[in-house]
N, C-alpha and C. Protein backbone atom coordinates (compact mmCIF):
# COMPACT_ATOMS: atom_id res chain seq x y z
N MET A 1 1.31 6.99 -21.31
CA MET A 1 0.43 6.23 -22.18
C MET A 1 -0.31 5.20 -21.34
N ALA A 2 -1.56 5.06 -21.57
CA ALA A 2 -2.36 4.08 -20.85
C ALA A 2 -1.89 2.67 -21.19
N SER A 3 -1.86 1.79 -20.17
CA SER A 3 -1.39 0.43 -20.42
C SER A 3 -2.32 -0.33 -21.36
N SER A 4 -3.55 0.14 -21.53
CA SER A 4 -4.45 -0.51 -22.48
C SER A 4 -4.03 -0.22 -23.92
N LEU A 5 -3.11 0.74 -24.10
CA LEU A 5 -2.63 1.09 -25.44
C LEU A 5 -1.23 0.56 -25.70
N LYS A 6 -0.57 -0.02 -24.69
CA LYS A 6 0.80 -0.51 -24.84
C LYS A 6 0.97 -1.73 -23.95
N ASN A 7 1.66 -2.73 -24.46
CA ASN A 7 1.96 -3.90 -23.65
C ASN A 7 3.12 -3.55 -22.72
N LEU A 8 2.93 -3.72 -21.43
CA LEU A 8 3.93 -3.36 -20.43
C LEU A 8 5.21 -4.18 -20.54
N SER A 9 5.14 -5.31 -21.23
CA SER A 9 6.30 -6.19 -21.35
C SER A 9 7.08 -6.00 -22.64
N ASP A 10 6.62 -5.15 -23.54
CA ASP A 10 7.31 -4.92 -24.80
C ASP A 10 8.39 -3.86 -24.66
N HIS A 11 9.63 -4.25 -24.92
CA HIS A 11 10.75 -3.32 -24.84
C HIS A 11 11.76 -3.68 -25.91
N ASP A 12 12.42 -2.69 -26.45
CA ASP A 12 13.48 -2.90 -27.42
C ASP A 12 14.74 -3.27 -26.66
N PRO A 13 15.23 -4.50 -26.77
CA PRO A 13 16.41 -4.92 -26.00
C PRO A 13 17.64 -4.03 -26.24
N ALA A 14 17.73 -3.42 -27.41
CA ALA A 14 18.88 -2.57 -27.71
C ALA A 14 18.91 -1.31 -26.86
N THR A 15 17.78 -0.95 -26.27
CA THR A 15 17.72 0.27 -25.47
C THR A 15 17.88 0.00 -23.98
N ILE A 16 18.08 -1.26 -23.61
CA ILE A 16 18.15 -1.63 -22.19
C ILE A 16 19.61 -1.89 -21.81
N PRO A 17 20.11 -1.17 -20.81
CA PRO A 17 21.51 -1.33 -20.39
C PRO A 17 21.79 -2.72 -19.83
N ASP A 18 23.03 -3.15 -19.96
CA ASP A 18 23.50 -4.38 -19.34
C ASP A 18 23.49 -4.18 -17.82
N GLY A 19 22.88 -5.10 -17.10
CA GLY A 19 22.74 -4.94 -15.66
C GLY A 19 23.77 -5.69 -14.84
N SER A 20 24.80 -6.23 -15.48
CA SER A 20 25.74 -7.10 -14.76
C SER A 20 26.48 -6.39 -13.62
N ALA A 21 26.61 -5.09 -13.68
CA ALA A 21 27.32 -4.36 -12.63
C ALA A 21 26.38 -3.73 -11.60
N PHE A 22 25.08 -3.90 -11.76
CA PHE A 22 24.12 -3.22 -10.89
C PHE A 22 23.66 -4.09 -9.73
N LYS A 23 23.41 -3.42 -8.60
CA LYS A 23 22.72 -4.01 -7.46
C LYS A 23 21.32 -3.40 -7.46
N ILE A 24 20.31 -4.25 -7.38
CA ILE A 24 18.91 -3.78 -7.43
C ILE A 24 18.17 -4.28 -6.20
N GLY A 25 17.56 -3.35 -5.48
CA GLY A 25 16.67 -3.70 -4.39
C GLY A 25 15.24 -3.79 -4.91
N ILE A 26 14.51 -4.74 -4.40
CA ILE A 26 13.09 -4.89 -4.74
C ILE A 26 12.31 -4.94 -3.43
N VAL A 27 11.31 -4.09 -3.32
CA VAL A 27 10.43 -4.12 -2.16
C VAL A 27 9.05 -4.46 -2.68
N VAL A 28 8.46 -5.52 -2.14
CA VAL A 28 7.19 -6.02 -2.66
C VAL A 28 6.16 -6.12 -1.53
N ALA A 29 4.97 -5.62 -1.81
CA ALA A 29 3.87 -5.67 -0.85
C ALA A 29 3.26 -7.08 -0.81
N GLU A 30 2.92 -7.53 0.37
CA GLU A 30 2.27 -8.83 0.53
C GLU A 30 0.76 -8.75 0.26
N TRP A 31 0.17 -7.58 0.45
CA TRP A 31 -1.26 -7.40 0.21
C TRP A 31 -1.54 -7.57 -1.28
N ASN A 32 -2.62 -8.23 -1.65
CA ASN A 32 -2.92 -8.58 -3.03
C ASN A 32 -1.80 -9.47 -3.60
N GLU A 33 -1.44 -10.47 -2.81
CA GLU A 33 -0.28 -11.31 -3.10
C GLU A 33 -0.33 -12.01 -4.46
N GLU A 34 -1.49 -12.39 -4.91
CA GLU A 34 -1.59 -13.02 -6.23
C GLU A 34 -1.03 -12.08 -7.30
N ILE A 35 -1.32 -10.82 -7.17
CA ILE A 35 -0.86 -9.82 -8.13
C ILE A 35 0.61 -9.48 -7.90
N THR A 36 0.98 -9.20 -6.65
CA THR A 36 2.35 -8.76 -6.39
C THR A 36 3.37 -9.88 -6.64
N ALA A 37 2.97 -11.13 -6.42
CA ALA A 37 3.87 -12.24 -6.73
C ALA A 37 4.13 -12.31 -8.24
N ALA A 38 3.10 -12.06 -9.03
CA ALA A 38 3.27 -12.05 -10.49
C ALA A 38 4.13 -10.86 -10.93
N LEU A 39 3.96 -9.71 -10.28
CA LEU A 39 4.81 -8.56 -10.58
C LEU A 39 6.27 -8.87 -10.25
N LEU A 40 6.49 -9.49 -9.11
CA LEU A 40 7.85 -9.86 -8.70
C LEU A 40 8.46 -10.85 -9.70
N GLU A 41 7.69 -11.82 -10.11
CA GLU A 41 8.17 -12.81 -11.09
C GLU A 41 8.61 -12.12 -12.39
N GLY A 42 7.80 -11.20 -12.88
CA GLY A 42 8.15 -10.47 -14.09
C GLY A 42 9.40 -9.63 -13.89
N THR A 43 9.50 -8.99 -12.74
CA THR A 43 10.66 -8.16 -12.43
C THR A 43 11.94 -8.99 -12.44
N LEU A 44 11.91 -10.11 -11.73
CA LEU A 44 13.10 -10.96 -11.64
C LEU A 44 13.49 -11.53 -13.00
N LYS A 45 12.51 -11.96 -13.76
CA LYS A 45 12.79 -12.52 -15.09
C LYS A 45 13.49 -11.48 -15.96
N THR A 46 13.01 -10.25 -15.93
CA THR A 46 13.58 -9.20 -16.77
C THR A 46 14.96 -8.78 -16.27
N LEU A 47 15.15 -8.67 -14.98
CA LEU A 47 16.47 -8.32 -14.45
C LEU A 47 17.50 -9.37 -14.84
N LYS A 48 17.15 -10.63 -14.68
CA LYS A 48 18.08 -11.72 -15.01
C LYS A 48 18.34 -11.78 -16.52
N LYS A 49 17.33 -11.52 -17.31
CA LYS A 49 17.49 -11.50 -18.77
C LYS A 49 18.52 -10.46 -19.18
N HIS A 50 18.62 -9.38 -18.41
CA HIS A 50 19.56 -8.31 -18.72
C HIS A 50 20.78 -8.35 -17.80
N HIS A 51 21.09 -9.57 -17.31
CA HIS A 51 22.36 -9.91 -16.68
C HIS A 51 22.58 -9.38 -15.27
N VAL A 52 21.52 -9.01 -14.57
CA VAL A 52 21.70 -8.67 -13.16
C VAL A 52 21.93 -9.99 -12.41
N LYS A 53 23.01 -10.05 -11.67
CA LYS A 53 23.37 -11.28 -10.95
C LYS A 53 22.42 -11.51 -9.78
N GLU A 54 22.09 -12.76 -9.56
CA GLU A 54 21.16 -13.11 -8.49
C GLU A 54 21.62 -12.57 -7.14
N GLU A 55 22.93 -12.63 -6.89
CA GLU A 55 23.45 -12.13 -5.61
C GLU A 55 23.39 -10.60 -5.50
N ASN A 56 23.10 -9.94 -6.60
CA ASN A 56 22.97 -8.48 -6.61
C ASN A 56 21.51 -8.01 -6.60
N ILE A 57 20.63 -8.93 -6.26
CA ILE A 57 19.21 -8.60 -6.12
C ILE A 57 18.80 -8.92 -4.69
N ARG A 58 18.21 -7.94 -4.01
CA ARG A 58 17.71 -8.18 -2.65
C ARG A 58 16.22 -7.86 -2.62
N ILE A 59 15.45 -8.86 -2.19
CA ILE A 59 14.00 -8.72 -2.11
C ILE A 59 13.60 -8.52 -0.65
N THR A 60 12.78 -7.50 -0.42
CA THR A 60 12.26 -7.21 0.90
C THR A 60 10.73 -7.18 0.81
N ALA A 61 10.07 -7.94 1.67
CA ALA A 61 8.61 -7.94 1.70
C ALA A 61 8.12 -6.99 2.78
N VAL A 62 7.04 -6.28 2.47
CA VAL A 62 6.36 -5.41 3.44
C VAL A 62 4.88 -5.78 3.42
N PRO A 63 4.15 -5.48 4.50
CA PRO A 63 2.75 -5.91 4.57
C PRO A 63 1.85 -5.39 3.45
N GLY A 64 1.97 -4.13 3.10
CA GLY A 64 1.08 -3.57 2.08
C GLY A 64 1.77 -2.48 1.29
N SER A 65 1.05 -1.92 0.34
CA SER A 65 1.63 -0.88 -0.51
C SER A 65 1.99 0.38 0.27
N PHE A 66 1.22 0.70 1.30
CA PHE A 66 1.51 1.89 2.09
C PHE A 66 2.89 1.81 2.73
N GLU A 67 3.35 0.61 3.01
CA GLU A 67 4.65 0.41 3.65
C GLU A 67 5.82 0.38 2.66
N LEU A 68 5.54 0.45 1.37
CA LEU A 68 6.61 0.41 0.37
C LEU A 68 7.67 1.51 0.55
N PRO A 69 7.29 2.77 0.76
CA PRO A 69 8.33 3.79 0.91
C PRO A 69 9.30 3.51 2.07
N TYR A 70 8.77 3.08 3.19
CA TYR A 70 9.66 2.78 4.32
C TYR A 70 10.56 1.59 3.98
N GLY A 71 9.99 0.53 3.43
CA GLY A 71 10.80 -0.63 3.04
C GLY A 71 11.85 -0.26 2.02
N ALA A 72 11.50 0.62 1.10
CA ALA A 72 12.45 1.06 0.07
C ALA A 72 13.59 1.87 0.69
N ARG A 73 13.27 2.70 1.66
CA ARG A 73 14.31 3.48 2.33
C ARG A 73 15.27 2.56 3.07
N ILE A 74 14.72 1.58 3.78
CA ILE A 74 15.57 0.63 4.50
C ILE A 74 16.43 -0.16 3.51
N SER A 75 15.85 -0.59 2.40
CA SER A 75 16.62 -1.31 1.37
C SER A 75 17.76 -0.45 0.86
N ALA A 76 17.49 0.81 0.60
CA ALA A 76 18.51 1.72 0.08
C ALA A 76 19.64 1.91 1.10
N GLU A 77 19.29 2.05 2.34
CA GLU A 77 20.28 2.32 3.37
C GLU A 77 21.10 1.09 3.74
N GLN A 78 20.49 -0.08 3.73
CA GLN A 78 21.19 -1.28 4.16
C GLN A 78 21.87 -2.04 3.01
N PHE A 79 21.27 -2.04 1.84
CA PHE A 79 21.79 -2.84 0.71
C PHE A 79 22.66 -2.00 -0.22
N LEU A 80 22.48 -0.68 -0.22
CA LEU A 80 23.22 0.25 -1.07
C LEU A 80 23.11 -0.11 -2.56
N PRO A 81 21.88 -0.25 -3.07
CA PRO A 81 21.68 -0.62 -4.47
C PRO A 81 21.83 0.57 -5.41
N HIS A 82 21.85 0.28 -6.70
CA HIS A 82 21.86 1.31 -7.73
C HIS A 82 20.44 1.80 -8.04
N ALA A 83 19.45 1.02 -7.66
CA ALA A 83 18.04 1.38 -7.82
C ALA A 83 17.22 0.49 -6.90
N VAL A 84 16.03 0.99 -6.52
CA VAL A 84 15.09 0.20 -5.73
C VAL A 84 13.75 0.20 -6.46
N ILE A 85 13.22 -1.00 -6.69
CA ILE A 85 11.93 -1.17 -7.35
C ILE A 85 10.87 -1.41 -6.28
N CYS A 86 9.80 -0.65 -6.32
CA CYS A 86 8.68 -0.80 -5.38
C CYS A 86 7.51 -1.45 -6.11
N LEU A 87 7.09 -2.63 -5.66
CA LEU A 87 6.02 -3.37 -6.30
C LEU A 87 4.83 -3.51 -5.37
N GLY A 88 3.67 -3.10 -5.84
CA GLY A 88 2.46 -3.22 -5.04
C GLY A 88 1.23 -3.17 -5.92
N CYS A 89 0.09 -3.32 -5.29
CA CYS A 89 -1.18 -3.28 -6.00
C CYS A 89 -2.26 -2.76 -5.06
N VAL A 90 -2.90 -1.69 -5.49
CA VAL A 90 -4.01 -1.11 -4.73
C VAL A 90 -5.24 -1.17 -5.63
N ILE A 91 -6.27 -1.86 -5.16
CA ILE A 91 -7.49 -2.05 -5.95
C ILE A 91 -8.61 -1.23 -5.31
N GLN A 92 -9.30 -0.47 -6.14
CA GLN A 92 -10.40 0.39 -5.67
C GLN A 92 -11.44 -0.43 -4.91
N GLY A 93 -11.83 0.08 -3.78
CA GLY A 93 -12.90 -0.54 -3.00
C GLY A 93 -14.09 0.40 -2.92
N GLU A 94 -14.90 0.21 -1.92
CA GLU A 94 -16.11 1.02 -1.78
C GLU A 94 -15.89 2.28 -0.96
N THR A 95 -14.69 2.46 -0.40
CA THR A 95 -14.43 3.63 0.44
C THR A 95 -13.29 4.46 -0.16
N ARG A 96 -13.01 5.58 0.47
CA ARG A 96 -11.93 6.47 0.01
C ARG A 96 -10.55 5.97 0.43
N HIS A 97 -10.49 4.85 1.11
CA HIS A 97 -9.22 4.27 1.53
C HIS A 97 -8.24 4.16 0.35
N PHE A 98 -8.74 3.76 -0.82
CA PHE A 98 -7.94 3.66 -2.05
C PHE A 98 -7.21 4.97 -2.33
N ASP A 99 -7.93 6.08 -2.25
CA ASP A 99 -7.34 7.39 -2.54
C ASP A 99 -6.20 7.72 -1.56
N TYR A 100 -6.43 7.45 -0.28
CA TYR A 100 -5.42 7.76 0.72
C TYR A 100 -4.17 6.90 0.56
N ILE A 101 -4.37 5.62 0.29
CA ILE A 101 -3.23 4.72 0.11
C ILE A 101 -2.44 5.12 -1.14
N CYS A 102 -3.13 5.35 -2.25
CA CYS A 102 -2.44 5.74 -3.49
C CYS A 102 -1.67 7.04 -3.31
N GLN A 103 -2.28 8.01 -2.65
CA GLN A 103 -1.61 9.29 -2.41
C GLN A 103 -0.37 9.11 -1.54
N GLY A 104 -0.51 8.33 -0.48
CA GLY A 104 0.62 8.11 0.42
C GLY A 104 1.78 7.40 -0.26
N VAL A 105 1.48 6.36 -1.01
CA VAL A 105 2.53 5.60 -1.70
C VAL A 105 3.21 6.47 -2.75
N THR A 106 2.42 7.19 -3.53
CA THR A 106 2.98 8.04 -4.58
C THR A 106 3.87 9.13 -3.97
N SER A 107 3.37 9.79 -2.95
CA SER A 107 4.16 10.84 -2.29
C SER A 107 5.42 10.27 -1.66
N GLY A 108 5.28 9.13 -1.02
CA GLY A 108 6.43 8.51 -0.36
C GLY A 108 7.53 8.15 -1.33
N ILE A 109 7.17 7.54 -2.45
CA ILE A 109 8.18 7.15 -3.44
C ILE A 109 8.76 8.39 -4.13
N THR A 110 7.93 9.37 -4.39
CA THR A 110 8.43 10.63 -4.96
C THR A 110 9.45 11.27 -4.03
N ASN A 111 9.14 11.33 -2.74
CA ASN A 111 10.06 11.92 -1.77
C ASN A 111 11.38 11.17 -1.70
N LEU A 112 11.33 9.84 -1.78
CA LEU A 112 12.57 9.06 -1.79
C LEU A 112 13.44 9.44 -2.98
N ASN A 113 12.81 9.60 -4.15
CA ASN A 113 13.56 9.99 -5.34
C ASN A 113 14.23 11.35 -5.17
N LEU A 114 13.59 12.23 -4.44
CA LEU A 114 14.16 13.57 -4.24
C LEU A 114 15.18 13.61 -3.10
N ASP A 115 15.01 12.76 -2.10
CA ASP A 115 15.85 12.81 -0.91
C ASP A 115 17.10 11.92 -0.99
N TYR A 116 17.09 10.92 -1.84
CA TYR A 116 18.21 9.98 -1.93
C TYR A 116 18.89 10.13 -3.29
N ASP A 117 20.10 9.67 -3.35
CA ASP A 117 20.88 9.80 -4.58
C ASP A 117 20.81 8.53 -5.44
N ILE A 118 19.70 7.83 -5.37
CA ILE A 118 19.47 6.68 -6.25
C ILE A 118 18.00 6.72 -6.70
N PRO A 119 17.70 6.05 -7.80
CA PRO A 119 16.31 6.03 -8.26
C PRO A 119 15.46 5.00 -7.51
N PHE A 120 14.22 5.39 -7.24
CA PHE A 120 13.20 4.51 -6.68
C PHE A 120 12.11 4.39 -7.74
N ILE A 121 11.78 3.17 -8.11
CA ILE A 121 10.90 2.92 -9.25
C ILE A 121 9.49 2.59 -8.76
N PHE A 122 8.51 3.25 -9.35
CA PHE A 122 7.10 3.08 -9.01
C PHE A 122 6.52 1.92 -9.83
N GLY A 123 6.48 0.75 -9.23
CA GLY A 123 5.91 -0.43 -9.88
C GLY A 123 4.62 -0.83 -9.18
N VAL A 124 3.76 0.14 -8.94
CA VAL A 124 2.53 -0.08 -8.18
C VAL A 124 1.34 0.03 -9.11
N LEU A 125 0.54 -1.02 -9.15
CA LEU A 125 -0.71 -0.98 -9.91
C LEU A 125 -1.78 -0.31 -9.06
N THR A 126 -2.53 0.58 -9.66
CA THR A 126 -3.67 1.23 -8.99
C THR A 126 -4.86 1.04 -9.92
N THR A 127 -5.64 0.02 -9.64
CA THR A 127 -6.69 -0.39 -10.57
C THR A 127 -8.08 -0.30 -9.96
N GLU A 128 -9.06 -0.33 -10.82
CA GLU A 128 -10.45 -0.27 -10.38
C GLU A 128 -10.96 -1.61 -9.89
N ASN A 129 -10.35 -2.70 -10.36
CA ASN A 129 -10.83 -4.03 -9.97
C ASN A 129 -9.73 -5.07 -10.13
N GLN A 130 -10.00 -6.25 -9.64
CA GLN A 130 -9.06 -7.37 -9.67
C GLN A 130 -8.67 -7.74 -11.10
N GLN A 131 -9.63 -7.74 -12.02
CA GLN A 131 -9.33 -8.12 -13.40
C GLN A 131 -8.34 -7.17 -14.06
N GLN A 132 -8.49 -5.88 -13.82
CA GLN A 132 -7.53 -4.92 -14.36
C GLN A 132 -6.13 -5.20 -13.82
N ALA A 133 -6.04 -5.54 -12.55
CA ALA A 133 -4.74 -5.87 -11.96
C ALA A 133 -4.15 -7.12 -12.60
N LEU A 134 -4.96 -8.16 -12.76
CA LEU A 134 -4.49 -9.39 -13.40
C LEU A 134 -4.02 -9.12 -14.83
N ASP A 135 -4.75 -8.27 -15.55
CA ASP A 135 -4.39 -7.94 -16.93
C ASP A 135 -3.02 -7.26 -17.01
N ARG A 136 -2.59 -6.61 -15.92
CA ARG A 136 -1.33 -5.86 -15.91
C ARG A 136 -0.25 -6.56 -15.10
N ALA A 137 -0.52 -7.77 -14.65
CA ALA A 137 0.44 -8.56 -13.88
C ALA A 137 0.70 -9.89 -14.60
N GLY A 138 0.93 -9.77 -15.90
CA GLY A 138 1.19 -10.95 -16.71
C GLY A 138 0.04 -11.33 -17.62
N GLY A 139 -1.02 -10.54 -17.61
CA GLY A 139 -2.19 -10.81 -18.44
C GLY A 139 -2.10 -10.12 -19.79
N LYS A 140 -3.24 -9.74 -20.32
CA LYS A 140 -3.30 -9.26 -21.69
C LYS A 140 -2.56 -7.95 -21.94
N TYR A 141 -2.22 -7.19 -20.90
CA TYR A 141 -1.46 -5.96 -21.09
C TYR A 141 0.00 -6.10 -20.66
N GLY A 142 0.44 -7.33 -20.49
CA GLY A 142 1.82 -7.56 -20.09
C GLY A 142 1.99 -7.53 -18.59
N ASN A 143 3.20 -7.23 -18.14
CA ASN A 143 3.50 -7.27 -16.72
C ASN A 143 4.21 -5.98 -16.29
N LYS A 144 3.59 -5.26 -15.40
CA LYS A 144 4.16 -4.02 -14.86
C LYS A 144 5.52 -4.30 -14.21
N GLY A 145 5.74 -5.51 -13.73
CA GLY A 145 7.04 -5.88 -13.17
C GLY A 145 8.14 -5.83 -14.21
N ASP A 146 7.85 -6.27 -15.44
CA ASP A 146 8.82 -6.16 -16.54
C ASP A 146 9.18 -4.70 -16.76
N GLU A 147 8.15 -3.87 -16.84
CA GLU A 147 8.36 -2.44 -17.07
C GLU A 147 9.17 -1.81 -15.94
N ALA A 148 8.88 -2.19 -14.71
CA ALA A 148 9.61 -1.64 -13.57
C ALA A 148 11.09 -2.04 -13.62
N ALA A 149 11.37 -3.29 -14.01
CA ALA A 149 12.75 -3.75 -14.11
C ALA A 149 13.51 -2.98 -15.19
N VAL A 150 12.88 -2.79 -16.34
CA VAL A 150 13.51 -2.04 -17.43
C VAL A 150 13.77 -0.59 -16.97
N THR A 151 12.80 0.00 -16.32
CA THR A 151 12.96 1.36 -15.81
C THR A 151 14.12 1.42 -14.82
N ALA A 152 14.21 0.44 -13.93
CA ALA A 152 15.30 0.41 -12.94
C ALA A 152 16.66 0.33 -13.64
N LEU A 153 16.77 -0.51 -14.65
CA LEU A 153 18.03 -0.64 -15.38
C LEU A 153 18.41 0.66 -16.08
N LYS A 154 17.43 1.29 -16.70
CA LYS A 154 17.71 2.56 -17.38
C LYS A 154 18.09 3.65 -16.38
N MET A 155 17.42 3.70 -15.26
CA MET A 155 17.72 4.73 -14.27
C MET A 155 19.03 4.43 -13.54
N ALA A 156 19.34 3.15 -13.30
CA ALA A 156 20.63 2.80 -12.71
C ALA A 156 21.77 3.19 -13.66
N ALA A 157 21.55 3.01 -14.95
CA ALA A 157 22.55 3.43 -15.94
C ALA A 157 22.72 4.95 -15.91
N LEU A 158 21.63 5.66 -15.80
CA LEU A 158 21.70 7.12 -15.71
C LEU A 158 22.48 7.52 -14.46
N TYR A 159 22.16 6.87 -13.35
CA TYR A 159 22.82 7.14 -12.07
C TYR A 159 24.33 6.89 -12.14
N THR A 160 24.74 5.83 -12.84
CA THR A 160 26.16 5.46 -12.89
C THR A 160 26.88 6.04 -14.10
N GLY A 161 26.13 6.67 -15.01
CA GLY A 161 26.76 7.22 -16.20
C GLY A 161 26.98 6.22 -17.30
N GLN A 162 26.35 5.06 -17.21
CA GLN A 162 26.47 4.00 -18.22
C GLN A 162 25.45 4.23 -19.33
N SER A 163 25.76 3.84 -20.54
CA SER A 163 24.78 3.92 -21.63
C SER A 163 24.30 2.53 -22.00
N ALA A 164 23.19 2.49 -22.74
CA ALA A 164 22.60 1.20 -23.13
C ALA A 164 23.51 0.47 -24.08
């Protein structure tokens, strides 16, 4: 569903698993920092709201969205989390660079999901302009970071056999 049709921050709390037993890795891109910092803020707020302990959250920064898959792999191998959330933002420019970065990030995160025995969550905004990114990083369409955190909790529950 398009985010313009659903608020990314709206979730039924009854469907979200308790996160008190989960370790969650977060890998966040530094590029488009205004956006990615807001995504990270939403992610952390939602994880803590659902009882993920601060000591069970590890944040790793990488230079840009293209580096998210590598950072996520390192997070998985070193931190041994129940899920890894990848946060980034790629904004369309005047060249095809946008297409290559989006393809690389999507393929990289997909491959991690297939190659590792934990979920890797795609919390990457791919927008046409800065305003669309702001609208989805705490603006009028909610925060993709909230959605990524909820997805991580649900997938970590699936991974561990826990129910909501």
